[in-house]
Amino acid sequence: MCYFVLQESYVKSIGKAITHFQEPLVAQAESFQEDKASISKIFGNLKLIHGFNAKLLSELKKIAEEWTPESSIGATFVKFTPFLKMYADYSNKYEDALSVFQSLMEKKEVFRNVHASDLSWR
């Protein structure tokens, strides 16, 4: 049961990052004279990771709701294993994402203001 609580929290947090940071910043990219692709680099494939984790959570919850002594979650993890490579893509692009983020924080006051104003979502 603890895993479900952690996974739900993780999915919720990623969703908030998308809703409160990625989408507003991409939408406002022109206001700080950046292209949307540059802003999108900061977040990489976060939307794919969110979708993957939401689906995994849904599948695991379904198994838990119908649990019997013969039930197993192993097959579900095996089924989702090929999709874990999206984390490699995300982490391999981390340095580029961090560089774009730091550059925008240093050079764009408007970006800093948008970033700071959305910290209340936590």
PDB file of N, CA and C in Angstrom:
ATOM      1  N   MET A   1       0.820  -1.200   0.000  1.00  0.00           N
ATOM      2  CA  MET A   1       0.000   0.000   0.000  1.00  0.00           C
ATOM      3  C   MET A   1       0.862   1.261   0.000  1.00  0.00           C
ATOM      4  N   CYS A   2       1.997   1.196   0.660  1.00  0.00           N
ATOM      5  CA  CYS A   2       2.891   2.351   0.723  1.00  0.00           C
ATOM      6  C   CYS A   2       3.330   2.771  -0.677  1.00  0.00           C
ATOM      7  N   TYR A   3       3.597   1.789  -1.536  1.00  0.00           N
ATOM      8  CA  TYR A   3       4.009   2.104  -2.902  1.00  0.00           C
ATOM      9  C   TYR A   3       2.959   2.955  -3.607  1.00  0.00           C
ATOM     10  N   PHE A   4       1.672   2.620  -3.408  1.00  0.00           N
ATOM     11  CA  PHE A   4       0.607   3.367  -4.075  1.00  0.00           C
ATOM     12  C   PHE A   4       0.568   4.815  -3.617  1.00  0.00           C
ATOM     13  N   VAL A   5       0.782   5.032  -2.336  1.00  0.00           N
ATOM     14  CA  VAL A   5       0.801   6.395  -1.804  1.00  0.00           C
ATOM     15  C   VAL A   5       1.951   7.172  -2.426  1.00  0.00           C
ATOM     16  N   LEU A   6       3.115   6.551  -2.485  1.00  0.00           N
ATOM     17  CA  LEU A   6       4.272   7.218  -3.090  1.00  0.00           C
ATOM     18  C   LEU A   6       4.055   7.487  -4.578  1.00  0.00           C
ATOM     19  N   GLN A   7       3.533   6.497  -5.287  1.00  0.00           N
ATOM     20  CA  GLN A   7       3.305   6.647  -6.724  1.00  0.00           C
ATOM     21  C   GLN A   7       2.250   7.710  -6.991  1.00  0.00           C
ATOM     22  N   GLU A   8       1.185   7.739  -6.202  1.00  0.00           N
ATOM     23  CA  GLU A   8       0.153   8.770  -6.364  1.00  0.00           C
ATOM     24  C   GLU A   8       0.741  10.158  -6.137  1.00  0.00           C
ATOM     25  N   SER A   9       1.560  10.286  -5.124  1.00  0.00           N
ATOM     26  CA  SER A   9       2.198  11.570  -4.832  1.00  0.00           C
ATOM     27  C   SER A   9       3.126  11.990  -5.972  1.00  0.00           C
ATOM     28  N   TYR A  10       3.871  11.039  -6.497  1.00  0.00           N
ATOM     29  CA  TYR A  10       4.792  11.299  -7.606  1.00  0.00           C
ATOM     30  C   TYR A  10       4.033  11.764  -8.847  1.00  0.00           C
ATOM     31  N   VAL A  11       2.970  11.058  -9.199  1.00  0.00           N
ATOM     32  CA  VAL A  11       2.161  11.419 -10.366  1.00  0.00           C
ATOM     33  C   VAL A  11       1.539  12.803 -10.167  1.00  0.00           C
ATOM     34  N   LYS A  12       1.052  13.047  -8.977  1.00  0.00           N
ATOM     35  CA  LYS A  12       0.445  14.351  -8.669  1.00  0.00           C
ATOM     36  C   LYS A  12       1.480  15.477  -8.773  1.00  0.00           C
ATOM     37  N   SER A  13       2.669  15.247  -8.248  1.00  0.00           N
ATOM     38  CA  SER A  13       3.732  16.269  -8.294  1.00  0.00           C
ATOM     39  C   SER A  13       4.168  16.573  -9.724  1.00  0.00           C
ATOM     40  N   ILE A  14       4.316  15.531 -10.538  1.00  0.00           N
ATOM     41  CA  ILE A  14       4.682  15.756 -11.938  1.00  0.00           C
ATOM     42  C   ILE A  14       3.576  16.537 -12.638  1.00  0.00           C
ATOM     43  N   GLY A  15       2.333  16.178 -12.365  1.00  0.00           N
ATOM     44  CA  GLY A  15       1.201  16.903 -12.956  1.00  0.00           C
ATOM     45  C   GLY A  15       1.211  18.380 -12.584  1.00  0.00           C
ATOM     46  N   LYS A  16       1.529  18.657 -11.329  1.00  0.00           N
ATOM     47  CA  LYS A  16       1.601  20.059 -10.888  1.00  0.00           C
ATOM     48  C   LYS A  16       2.758  20.792 -11.573  1.00  0.00           C
ATOM     49  N   ALA A  17       3.882  20.127 -11.733  1.00  0.00           N
ATOM     50  CA  ALA A  17       5.018  20.753 -12.417  1.00  0.00           C
ATOM     51  C   ALA A  17       4.638  21.118 -13.856  1.00  0.00           C
ATOM     52  N   ILE A  18       3.896  20.244 -14.503  1.00  0.00           N
ATOM     53  CA  ILE A  18       3.450  20.503 -15.871  1.00  0.00           C
ATOM     54  C   ILE A  18       2.457  21.654 -15.895  1.00  0.00           C
ATOM     55  N   THR A  19       1.461  21.589 -15.013  1.00  0.00           N
ATOM     56  CA  THR A  19       0.383  22.586 -14.982  1.00  0.00           C
ATOM     57  C   THR A  19       0.853  23.960 -14.523  1.00  0.00           C
ATOM     58  N   HIS A  20       1.692  23.975 -13.499  1.00  0.00           N
ATOM     59  CA  HIS A  20       2.078  25.253 -12.884  1.00  0.00           C
ATOM     60  C   HIS A  20       3.371  25.849 -13.424  1.00  0.00           C
ATOM     61  N   PHE A  21       4.165  25.051 -14.121  1.00  0.00           N
ATOM     62  CA  PHE A  21       5.435  25.562 -14.635  1.00  0.00           C
ATOM     63  C   PHE A  21       5.556  25.398 -16.151  1.00  0.00           C
ATOM     64  N   GLN A  22       5.557  24.156 -16.612  1.00  0.00           N
ATOM     65  CA  GLN A  22       5.809  23.920 -18.034  1.00  0.00           C
ATOM     66  C   GLN A  22       4.802  24.641 -18.927  1.00  0.00           C
ATOM     67  N   GLU A  23       3.538  24.390 -18.733  1.00  0.00           N
ATOM     68  CA  GLU A  23       2.532  24.986 -19.617  1.00  0.00           C
ATOM     69  C   GLU A  23       2.513  26.511 -19.557  1.00  0.00           C
ATOM     70  N   PRO A  24       2.525  27.131 -18.358  1.00  0.00           N
ATOM     71  CA  PRO A  24       2.556  28.597 -18.328  1.00  0.00           C
ATOM     72  C   PRO A  24       3.827  29.192 -18.951  1.00  0.00           C
ATOM     73  N   LEU A  25       4.967  28.562 -18.695  1.00  0.00           N
ATOM     74  CA  LEU A  25       6.217  29.106 -19.232  1.00  0.00           C
ATOM     75  C   LEU A  25       6.276  28.970 -20.755  1.00  0.00           C
ATOM     76  N   VAL A  26       5.820  27.847 -21.273  1.00  0.00           N
ATOM     77  CA  VAL A  26       5.793  27.680 -22.730  1.00  0.00           C
ATOM     78  C   VAL A  26       4.824  28.697 -23.334  1.00  0.00           C
ATOM     79  N   ALA A  27       3.671  28.879 -22.699  1.00  0.00           N
ATOM     80  CA  ALA A  27       2.676  29.823 -23.205  1.00  0.00           C
ATOM     81  C   ALA A  27       3.192  31.265 -23.178  1.00  0.00           C
ATOM     82  N   GLN A  28       4.055  31.570 -22.211  1.00  0.00           N
ATOM     83  CA  GLN A  28       4.565  32.938 -22.064  1.00  0.00           C
ATOM     84  C   GLN A  28       5.959  33.125 -22.646  1.00  0.00           C
ATOM     85  N   ALA A  29       6.436  32.160 -23.373  1.00  0.00           N
ATOM     86  CA  ALA A  29       7.805  32.207 -23.902  1.00  0.00           C
ATOM     87  C   ALA A  29       8.084  33.491 -24.667  1.00  0.00           C
ATOM     88  N   GLU A  30       7.144  33.903 -25.479  1.00  0.00           N
ATOM     89  CA  GLU A  30       7.365  35.110 -26.284  1.00  0.00           C
ATOM     90  C   GLU A  30       7.519  36.347 -25.407  1.00  0.00           C
ATOM     91  N   SER A  31       6.880  36.370 -24.236  1.00  0.00           N
ATOM     92  CA  SER A  31       6.976  37.548 -23.370  1.00  0.00           C
ATOM     93  C   SER A  31       8.382  37.745 -22.826  1.00  0.00           C
ATOM     94  N   PHE A  32       9.179  36.681 -22.732  1.00  0.00           N
ATOM     95  CA  PHE A  32      10.575  36.873 -22.362  1.00  0.00           C
ATOM     96  C   PHE A  32      11.503  36.572 -23.519  1.00  0.00           C
ATOM     97  N   GLN A  33      10.975  36.755 -24.701  1.00  0.00           N
ATOM     98  CA  GLN A  33      11.723  36.690 -25.952  1.00  0.00           C
ATOM     99  C   GLN A  33      12.526  35.395 -26.094  1.00  0.00           C
ATOM    100  N   GLU A  34      11.847  34.294 -25.856  1.00  0.00           N
ATOM    101  CA  GLU A  34      12.428  32.971 -26.040  1.00  0.00           C
ATOM    102  C   GLU A  34      11.482  32.170 -26.921  1.00  0.00           C
ATOM    103  N   ASP A  35      12.038  31.219 -27.639  1.00  0.00           N
ATOM    104  CA  ASP A  35      11.161  30.358 -28.416  1.00  0.00           C
ATOM    105  C   ASP A  35      10.658  29.221 -27.524  1.00  0.00           C
ATOM    106  N   LYS A  36       9.506  28.685 -27.879  1.00  0.00           N
ATOM    107  CA  LYS A  36       8.880  27.643 -27.077  1.00  0.00           C
ATOM    108  C   LYS A  36       9.760  26.395 -26.979  1.00  0.00           C
ATOM    109  N   ALA A  37      10.509  26.101 -28.019  1.00  0.00           N
ATOM    110  CA  ALA A  37      11.388  24.921 -28.010  1.00  0.00           C
ATOM    111  C   ALA A  37      12.463  25.055 -26.928  1.00  0.00           C
ATOM    112  N   SER A  38      12.971  26.259 -26.744  1.00  0.00           N
ATOM    113  CA  SER A  38      13.985  26.494 -25.728  1.00  0.00           C
ATOM    114  C   SER A  38      13.413  26.247 -24.333  1.00  0.00           C
ATOM    115  N   ILE A  39      12.225  26.764 -24.085  1.00  0.00           N
ATOM    116  CA  ILE A  39      11.569  26.559 -22.791  1.00  0.00           C
ATOM    117  C   ILE A  39      11.256  25.077 -22.602  1.00  0.00           C
ATOM    118  N   SER A  40      10.820  24.423 -23.656  1.00  0.00           N
ATOM    119  CA  SER A  40      10.467  23.005 -23.572  1.00  0.00           C
ATOM    120  C   SER A  40      11.667  22.137 -23.215  1.00  0.00           C
ATOM    121  N   LYS A  41      12.876  22.583 -23.571  1.00  0.00           N
ATOM    122  CA  LYS A  41      14.091  21.835 -23.224  1.00  0.00           C
ATOM    123  C   LYS A  41      14.238  21.664 -21.713  1.00  0.00           C
ATOM    124  N   ILE A  42      13.764  22.626 -20.970  1.00  0.00           N
ATOM    125  CA  ILE A  42      13.875  22.567 -19.512  1.00  0.00           C
ATOM    126  C   ILE A  42      13.132  21.346 -18.972  1.00  0.00           C
ATOM    127  N   PHE A  43      12.017  21.035 -19.590  1.00  0.00           N
ATOM    128  CA  PHE A  43      11.143  19.988 -19.071  1.00  0.00           C
ATOM    129  C   PHE A  43      11.308  18.646 -19.773  1.00  0.00           C
ATOM    130  N   GLY A  44      12.006  18.632 -20.878  1.00  0.00           N
ATOM    131  CA  GLY A  44      12.242  17.382 -21.596  1.00  0.00           C
ATOM    132  C   GLY A  44      10.958  16.620 -21.873  1.00  0.00           C
ATOM    133  N   ASN A  45      10.977  15.337 -21.601  1.00  0.00           N
ATOM    134  CA  ASN A  45       9.817  14.493 -21.873  1.00  0.00           C
ATOM    135  C   ASN A  45       8.970  14.266 -20.616  1.00  0.00           C
ATOM    136  N   LEU A  46       8.839  15.294 -19.801  1.00  0.00           N
ATOM    137  CA  LEU A  46       8.115  15.189 -18.540  1.00  0.00           C
ATOM    138  C   LEU A  46       6.665  14.753 -18.740  1.00  0.00           C
ATOM    139  N   LYS A  47       6.034  15.222 -19.802  1.00  0.00           N
ATOM    140  CA  LYS A  47       4.642  14.814 -20.046  1.00  0.00           C
ATOM    141  C   LYS A  47       4.554  13.313 -20.333  1.00  0.00           C
ATOM    142  N   LEU A  48       5.524  12.774 -21.043  1.00  0.00           N
ATOM    143  CA  LEU A  48       5.536  11.323 -21.296  1.00  0.00           C
ATOM    144  C   LEU A  48       5.756  10.555 -19.997  1.00  0.00           C
ATOM    145  N   ILE A  49       6.656  11.034 -19.174  1.00  0.00           N
ATOM    146  CA  ILE A  49       6.922  10.390 -17.890  1.00  0.00           C
ATOM    147  C   ILE A  49       5.677  10.427 -17.016  1.00  0.00           C
ATOM    148  N   HIS A  50       4.974  11.537 -17.029  1.00  0.00           N
ATOM    149  CA  HIS A  50       3.730  11.659 -16.258  1.00  0.00           C
ATOM    150  C   HIS A  50       2.702  10.651 -16.747  1.00  0.00           C
ATOM    151  N   GLY A  51       2.509  10.583 -18.045  1.00  0.00           N
ATOM    152  CA  GLY A  51       1.542   9.645 -18.610  1.00  0.00           C
ATOM    153  C   GLY A  51       1.896   8.200 -18.293  1.00  0.00           C
ATOM    154  N   PHE A  52       3.162   7.878 -18.419  1.00  0.00           N
ATOM    155  CA  PHE A  52       3.634   6.525 -18.116  1.00  0.00           C
ATOM    156  C   PHE A  52       3.324   6.157 -16.671  1.00  0.00           C
ATOM    157  N   ASN A  53       3.677   7.043 -15.752  1.00  0.00           N
ATOM    158  CA  ASN A  53       3.474   6.751 -14.337  1.00  0.00           C
ATOM    159  C   ASN A  53       2.009   6.710 -13.950  1.00  0.00           C
ATOM    160  N   ALA A  54       1.195   7.544 -14.565  1.00  0.00           N
ATOM    161  CA  ALA A  54      -0.244   7.507 -14.307  1.00  0.00           C
ATOM    162  C   ALA A  54      -0.831   6.177 -14.776  1.00  0.00           C
ATOM    163  N   LYS A  55      -0.409   5.706 -15.935  1.00  0.00           N
ATOM    164  CA  LYS A  55      -0.893   4.427 -16.465  1.00  0.00           C
ATOM    165  C   LYS A  55      -0.415   3.265 -15.595  1.00  0.00           C
ATOM    166  N   LEU A  56       0.850   3.281 -15.200  1.00  0.00           N
ATOM    167  CA  LEU A  56       1.380   2.238 -14.327  1.00  0.00           C
ATOM    168  C   LEU A  56       0.592   2.197 -13.017  1.00  0.00           C
ATOM    169  N   LEU A  57       0.355   3.354 -12.428  1.00  0.00           N
ATOM    170  CA  LEU A  57      -0.407   3.425 -11.184  1.00  0.00           C
ATOM    171  C   LEU A  57      -1.806   2.855 -11.369  1.00  0.00           C
ATOM    172  N   SER A  58      -2.443   3.216 -12.463  1.00  0.00           N
ATOM    173  CA  SER A  58      -3.788   2.724 -12.755  1.00  0.00           C
ATOM    174  C   SER A  58      -3.811   1.193 -12.859  1.00  0.00           C
ATOM    175  N   GLU A  59      -2.840   0.644 -13.558  1.00  0.00           N
ATOM    176  CA  GLU A  59      -2.759  -0.812 -13.724  1.00  0.00           C
ATOM    177  C   GLU A  59      -2.530  -1.497 -12.377  1.00  0.00           C
ATOM    178  N   LEU A  60      -1.659  -0.950 -11.574  1.00  0.00           N
ATOM    179  CA  LEU A  60      -1.359  -1.556 -10.283  1.00  0.00           C
ATOM    180  C   LEU A  60      -2.545  -1.458  -9.322  1.00  0.00           C
ATOM    181  N   LYS A  61      -3.252  -0.353  -9.377  1.00  0.00           N
ATOM    182  CA  LYS A  61      -4.449  -0.195  -8.535  1.00  0.00           C
ATOM    183  C   LYS A  61      -5.512  -1.227  -8.915  1.00  0.00           C
ATOM    184  N   LYS A  62      -5.651  -1.447 -10.205  1.00  0.00           N
ATOM    185  CA  LYS A  62      -6.632  -2.428 -10.680  1.00  0.00           C
ATOM    186  C   LYS A  62      -6.296  -3.810 -10.124  1.00  0.00           C
ATOM    187  N   ILE A  63      -5.034  -4.184 -10.162  1.00  0.00           N
ATOM    188  CA  ILE A  63      -4.606  -5.474  -9.617  1.00  0.00           C
ATOM    189  C   ILE A  63      -4.889  -5.527  -8.107  1.00  0.00           C
ATOM    190  N   ALA A  64      -4.573  -4.450  -7.409  1.00  0.00           N
ATOM    191  CA  ALA A  64      -4.769  -4.412  -5.960  1.00  0.00           C
ATOM    192  C   ALA A  64      -6.247  -4.544  -5.591  1.00  0.00           C
ATOM    193  N   GLU A  65      -7.102  -3.906  -6.371  1.00  0.00           N
ATOM    194  CA  GLU A  65      -8.542  -3.967  -6.094  1.00  0.00           C
ATOM    195  C   GLU A  65      -9.106  -5.371  -6.296  1.00  0.00           C
ATOM    196  N   GLU A  66      -8.498  -6.134  -7.187  1.00  0.00           N
ATOM    197  CA  GLU A  66      -8.975  -7.482  -7.500  1.00  0.00           C
ATOM    198  C   GLU A  66      -8.047  -8.547  -6.914  1.00  0.00           C
ATOM    199  N   TRP A  67      -7.271  -8.191  -5.900  1.00  0.00           N
ATOM    200  CA  TRP A  67      -6.226  -9.056  -5.371  1.00  0.00           C
ATOM    201  C   TRP A  67      -6.766 -10.374  -4.822  1.00  0.00           C
ATOM    202  N   THR A  68      -6.055 -11.410  -5.170  1.00  0.00           N
ATOM    203  CA  THR A  68      -6.298 -12.742  -4.612  1.00  0.00           C
ATOM    204  C   THR A  68      -4.941 -13.292  -4.173  1.00  0.00           C
ATOM    205  N   PRO A  69      -4.935 -14.394  -3.439  1.00  0.00           N
ATOM    206  CA  PRO A  69      -3.641 -14.977  -3.043  1.00  0.00           C
ATOM    207  C   PRO A  69      -2.753 -15.360  -4.228  1.00  0.00           C
ATOM    208  N   GLU A  70      -3.356 -15.565  -5.384  1.00  0.00           N
ATOM    209  CA  GLU A  70      -2.582 -15.928  -6.577  1.00  0.00           C
ATOM    210  C   GLU A  70      -2.134 -14.707  -7.395  1.00  0.00           C
ATOM    211  N   SER A  71      -2.543 -13.531  -7.009  1.00  0.00           N
ATOM    212  CA  SER A  71      -2.229 -12.318  -7.775  1.00  0.00           C
ATOM    213  C   SER A  71      -0.740 -11.998  -7.720  1.00  0.00           C
ATOM    214  N   SER A  72      -0.299 -11.271  -8.735  1.00  0.00           N
ATOM    215  CA  SER A  72       1.098 -10.851  -8.820  1.00  0.00           C
ATOM    216  C   SER A  72       1.171  -9.531  -9.580  1.00  0.00           C
ATOM    217  N   ILE A  73       2.106  -8.694  -9.180  1.00  0.00           N
ATOM    218  CA  ILE A  73       2.309  -7.438  -9.905  1.00  0.00           C
ATOM    219  C   ILE A  73       3.510  -7.520 -10.841  1.00  0.00           C
ATOM    220  N   GLY A  74       4.248  -8.625 -10.762  1.00  0.00           N
ATOM    221  CA  GLY A  74       5.454  -8.786 -11.569  1.00  0.00           C
ATOM    222  C   GLY A  74       5.219  -8.623 -13.052  1.00  0.00           C
ATOM    223  N   ALA A  75       4.152  -9.218 -13.570  1.00  0.00           N
ATOM    224  CA  ALA A  75       3.866  -9.140 -15.005  1.00  0.00           C
ATOM    225  C   ALA A  75       3.615  -7.695 -15.439  1.00  0.00           C
ATOM    226  N   THR A  76       3.024  -6.918 -14.553  1.00  0.00           N
ATOM    227  CA  THR A  76       2.771  -5.509 -14.881  1.00  0.00           C
ATOM    228  C   THR A  76       4.086  -4.753 -15.024  1.00  0.00           C
ATOM    229  N   PHE A  77       5.011  -4.976 -14.116  1.00  0.00           N
ATOM    230  CA  PHE A  77       6.307  -4.311 -14.215  1.00  0.00           C
ATOM    231  C   PHE A  77       7.076  -4.762 -15.454  1.00  0.00           C
ATOM    232  N   VAL A  78       6.984  -6.043 -15.776  1.00  0.00           N
ATOM    233  CA  VAL A  78       7.635  -6.548 -16.990  1.00  0.00           C
ATOM    234  C   VAL A  78       7.027  -5.873 -18.218  1.00  0.00           C
ATOM    235  N   LYS A  79       5.714  -5.736 -18.225  1.00  0.00           N
ATOM    236  CA  LYS A  79       5.007  -5.087 -19.342  1.00  0.00           C
ATOM    237  C   LYS A  79       5.474  -3.641 -19.541  1.00  0.00           C
ATOM    238  N   PHE A  80       5.734  -2.949 -18.453  1.00  0.00           N
ATOM    239  CA  PHE A  80       6.099  -1.534 -18.528  1.00  0.00           C
ATOM    240  C   PHE A  80       7.605  -1.293 -18.636  1.00  0.00           C
ATOM    241  N   THR A  81       8.406  -2.319 -18.456  1.00  0.00           N
ATOM    242  CA  THR A  81       9.865  -2.176 -18.475  1.00  0.00           C
ATOM    243  C   THR A  81      10.398  -1.463 -19.717  1.00  0.00           C
ATOM    244  N   PRO A  82       9.930  -1.774 -20.931  1.00  0.00           N
ATOM    245  CA  PRO A  82      10.487  -1.085 -22.107  1.00  0.00           C
ATOM    246  C   PRO A  82      10.310   0.437 -22.073  1.00  0.00           C
ATOM    247  N   PHE A  83       9.306   0.894 -21.332  1.00  0.00           N
ATOM    248  CA  PHE A  83       9.037   2.330 -21.287  1.00  0.00           C
ATOM    249  C   PHE A  83       9.944   3.071 -20.312  1.00  0.00           C
ATOM    250  N   LEU A  84      10.668   2.334 -19.491  1.00  0.00           N
ATOM    251  CA  LEU A  84      11.568   2.976 -18.530  1.00  0.00           C
ATOM    252  C   LEU A  84      12.720   3.702 -19.209  1.00  0.00           C
ATOM    253  N   LYS A  85      12.974   3.395 -20.485  1.00  0.00           N
ATOM    254  CA  LYS A  85      14.056   4.069 -21.201  1.00  0.00           C
ATOM    255  C   LYS A  85      13.791   5.568 -21.350  1.00  0.00           C
ATOM    256  N   MET A  86      12.532   5.978 -21.157  1.00  0.00           N
ATOM    257  CA  MET A  86      12.244   7.413 -21.233  1.00  0.00           C
ATOM    258  C   MET A  86      12.944   8.175 -20.104  1.00  0.00           C
ATOM    259  N   TYR A  87      13.231   7.491 -19.004  1.00  0.00           N
ATOM    260  CA  TYR A  87      13.986   8.126 -17.929  1.00  0.00           C
ATOM    261  C   TYR A  87      15.435   8.369 -18.345  1.00  0.00           C
ATOM    262  N   ALA A  88      15.978   7.467 -19.144  1.00  0.00           N
ATOM    263  CA  ALA A  88      17.335   7.660 -19.649  1.00  0.00           C
ATOM    264  C   ALA A  88      17.382   8.901 -20.531  1.00  0.00           C
ATOM    265  N   ASP A  89      16.392   9.060 -21.386  1.00  0.00           N
ATOM    266  CA  ASP A  89      16.317  10.238 -22.255  1.00  0.00           C
ATOM    267  C   ASP A  89      16.226  11.508 -21.410  1.00  0.00           C
ATOM    268  N   TYR A  90      15.382  11.472 -20.395  1.00  0.00           N
ATOM    269  CA  TYR A  90      15.205  12.620 -19.506  1.00  0.00           C
ATOM    270  C   TYR A  90      16.514  12.958 -18.805  1.00  0.00           C
ATOM    271  N   SER A  91      17.157  11.952 -18.234  1.00  0.00           N
ATOM    272  CA  SER A  91      18.387  12.222 -17.481  1.00  0.00           C
ATOM    273  C   SER A  91      19.566  12.570 -18.396  1.00  0.00           C
ATOM    274  N   ASN A  92      19.609  12.010 -19.597  1.00  0.00           N
ATOM    275  CA  ASN A  92      20.689  12.343 -20.531  1.00  0.00           C
ATOM    276  C   ASN A  92      20.626  13.795 -20.991  1.00  0.00           C
ATOM    277  N   LYS A  93      19.463  14.375 -20.939  1.00  0.00           N
ATOM    278  CA  LYS A  93      19.295  15.768 -21.363  1.00  0.00           C
ATOM    279  C   LYS A  93      19.255  16.740 -20.191  1.00  0.00           C
ATOM    280  N   TYR A  94      19.529  16.237 -19.002  1.00  0.00           N
ATOM    281  CA  TYR A  94      19.460  17.060 -17.800  1.00  0.00           C
ATOM    282  C   TYR A  94      20.408  18.259 -17.859  1.00  0.00           C
ATOM    283  N   GLU A  95      21.644  18.032 -18.244  1.00  0.00           N
ATOM    284  CA  GLU A  95      22.632  19.121 -18.279  1.00  0.00           C
ATOM    285  C   GLU A  95      22.197  20.239 -19.222  1.00  0.00           C
ATOM    286  N   ASP A  96      21.665  19.884 -20.390  1.00  0.00           N
ATOM    287  CA  ASP A  96      21.161  20.891 -21.327  1.00  0.00           C
ATOM    288  C   ASP A  96      19.987  21.647 -20.720  1.00  0.00           C
ATOM    289  N   ALA A  97      19.085  20.904 -20.077  1.00  0.00           N
ATOM    290  CA  ALA A  97      17.919  21.528 -19.449  1.00  0.00           C
ATOM    291  C   ALA A  97      18.346  22.497 -18.358  1.00  0.00           C
ATOM    292  N   LEU A  98      19.281  22.077 -17.538  1.00  0.00           N
ATOM    293  CA  LEU A  98      19.777  22.923 -16.458  1.00  0.00           C
ATOM    294  C   LEU A  98      20.457  24.170 -17.007  1.00  0.00           C
ATOM    295  N   SER A  99      21.201  24.021 -18.077  1.00  0.00           N
ATOM    296  CA  SER A  99      21.878  25.150 -18.706  1.00  0.00           C
ATOM    297  C   SER A  99      20.878  26.181 -19.218  1.00  0.00           C
ATOM    298  N   VAL A 100      19.836  25.717 -19.882  1.00  0.00           N
ATOM    299  CA  VAL A 100      18.795  26.633 -20.381  1.00  0.00           C
ATOM    300  C   VAL A 100      18.120  27.322 -19.201  1.00  0.00           C
ATOM    301  N   PHE A 101      17.773  26.562 -18.182  1.00  0.00           N
ATOM    302  CA  PHE A 101      17.110  27.124 -17.005  1.00  0.00           C
ATOM    303  C   PHE A 101      17.981  28.190 -16.338  1.00  0.00           C
ATOM    304  N   GLN A 102      19.249  27.860 -16.109  1.00  0.00           N
ATOM    305  CA  GLN A 102      20.155  28.819 -15.457  1.00  0.00           C
ATOM    306  C   GLN A 102      20.339  30.069 -16.301  1.00  0.00           C
ATOM    307  N   SER A 103      20.446  29.903 -17.599  1.00  0.00           N
ATOM    308  CA  SER A 103      20.599  31.046 -18.489  1.00  0.00           C
ATOM    309  C   SER A 103      19.387  31.958 -18.411  1.00  0.00           C
ATOM    310  N   LEU A 104      18.203  31.372 -18.431  1.00  0.00           N
ATOM    311  CA  LEU A 104      16.985  32.180 -18.349  1.00  0.00           C
ATOM    312  C   LEU A 104      16.864  32.857 -16.988  1.00  0.00           C
ATOM    313  N   MET A 105      17.226  32.158 -15.933  1.00  0.00           N
ATOM    314  CA  MET A 105      17.156  32.763 -14.598  1.00  0.00           C
ATOM    315  C   MET A 105      18.119  33.937 -14.472  1.00  0.00           C
ATOM    316  N   GLU A 106      19.281  33.838 -15.108  1.00  0.00           N
ATOM    317  CA  GLU A 106      20.275  34.912 -15.031  1.00  0.00           C
ATOM    318  C   GLU A 106      19.917  36.104 -15.912  1.00  0.00           C
ATOM    319  N   LYS A 107      19.392  35.839 -17.097  1.00  0.00           N
ATOM    320  CA  LYS A 107      19.242  36.886 -18.105  1.00  0.00           C
ATOM    321  C   LYS A 107      17.854  37.477 -18.228  1.00  0.00           C
ATOM    322  N   LYS A 108      16.847  36.782 -17.766  1.00  0.00           N
ATOM    323  CA  LYS A 108      15.478  37.204 -18.030  1.00  0.00           C
ATOM    324  C   LYS A 108      14.713  37.450 -16.735  1.00  0.00           C
ATOM    325  N   GLU A 109      14.572  38.717 -16.372  1.00  0.00           N
ATOM    326  CA  GLU A 109      13.847  39.053 -15.151  1.00  0.00           C
ATOM    327  C   GLU A 109      12.398  38.580 -15.229  1.00  0.00           C
ATOM    328  N   VAL A 110      11.808  38.677 -16.393  1.00  0.00           N
ATOM    329  CA  VAL A 110      10.424  38.232 -16.568  1.00  0.00           C
ATOM    330  C   VAL A 110      10.314  36.733 -16.255  1.00  0.00           C
ATOM    331  N   PHE A 111      11.277  35.955 -16.686  1.00  0.00           N
ATOM    332  CA  PHE A 111      11.291  34.521 -16.397  1.00  0.00           C
ATOM    333  C   PHE A 111      11.402  34.282 -14.896  1.00  0.00           C
ATOM    334  N   ARG A 112      12.287  35.008 -14.248  1.00  0.00           N
ATOM    335  CA  ARG A 112      12.434  34.858 -12.789  1.00  0.00           C
ATOM    336  C   ARG A 112      11.125  35.167 -12.085  1.00  0.00           C
ATOM    337  N   ASN A 113      10.443  36.194 -12.534  1.00  0.00           N
ATOM    338  CA  ASN A 113       9.178  36.586 -11.915  1.00  0.00           C
ATOM    339  C   ASN A 113       8.100  35.524 -12.107  1.00  0.00           C
ATOM    340  N   VAL A 114       8.012  34.958 -13.300  1.00  0.00           N
ATOM    341  CA  VAL A 114       7.034  33.896 -13.552  1.00  0.00           C
ATOM    342  C   VAL A 114       7.371  32.694 -12.692  1.00  0.00           C
ATOM    343  N   HIS A 115       8.632  32.349 -12.661  1.00  0.00           N
ATOM    344  CA  HIS A 115       9.093  31.183 -11.894  1.00  0.00           C
ATOM    345  C   HIS A 115       8.777  31.376 -10.405  1.00  0.00           C
ATOM    346  N   ALA A 116       9.083  32.529  -9.858  1.00  0.00           N
ATOM    347  CA  ALA A 116       8.868  32.774  -8.437  1.00  0.00           C
ATOM    348  C   ALA A 116       7.386  32.845  -8.079  1.00  0.00           C
ATOM    349  N   SER A 117       6.576  33.380  -8.972  1.00  0.00           N
ATOM    350  CA  SER A 117       5.165  33.538  -8.658  1.00  0.00           C
ATOM    351  C   SER A 117       4.414  32.214  -8.599  1.00  0.00           C
ATOM    352  N   ASP A 118       4.945  31.179  -9.206  1.00  0.00           N
ATOM    353  CA  ASP A 118       4.267  29.878  -9.223  1.00  0.00           C
ATOM    354  C   ASP A 118       4.765  28.928  -8.138  1.00  0.00           C
ATOM    355  N   LEU A 119       5.633  29.376  -7.258  1.00  0.00           N
ATOM    356  CA  LEU A 119       6.147  28.477  -6.244  1.00  0.00           C
ATOM    357  C   LEU A 119       5.118  28.149  -5.168  1.00  0.00           C
ATOM    358  N   SER A 120       4.004  28.855  -5.159  1.00  0.00           N
ATOM    359  CA  SER A 120       2.986  28.616  -4.129  1.00  0.00           C
ATOM    360  C   SER A 120       2.198  27.340  -4.366  1.00  0.00           C
ATOM    361  N   TRP A 121       2.358  26.656  -5.483  1.00  0.00           N
ATOM    362  CA  TRP A 121       1.584  25.432  -5.769  1.00  0.00           C
ATOM    363  C   TRP A 121       1.903  24.297  -4.817  1.00  0.00           C
ATOM    364  N   ARG A 122       3.061  24.329  -4.195  1.00  0.00           N
ATOM    365  CA  ARG A 122       3.455  23.227  -3.292  1.00  0.00           C
ATOM    366  C   ARG A 122       2.511  23.208  -2.154  1.00  0.00           C
TER     367      ARG A 122
END
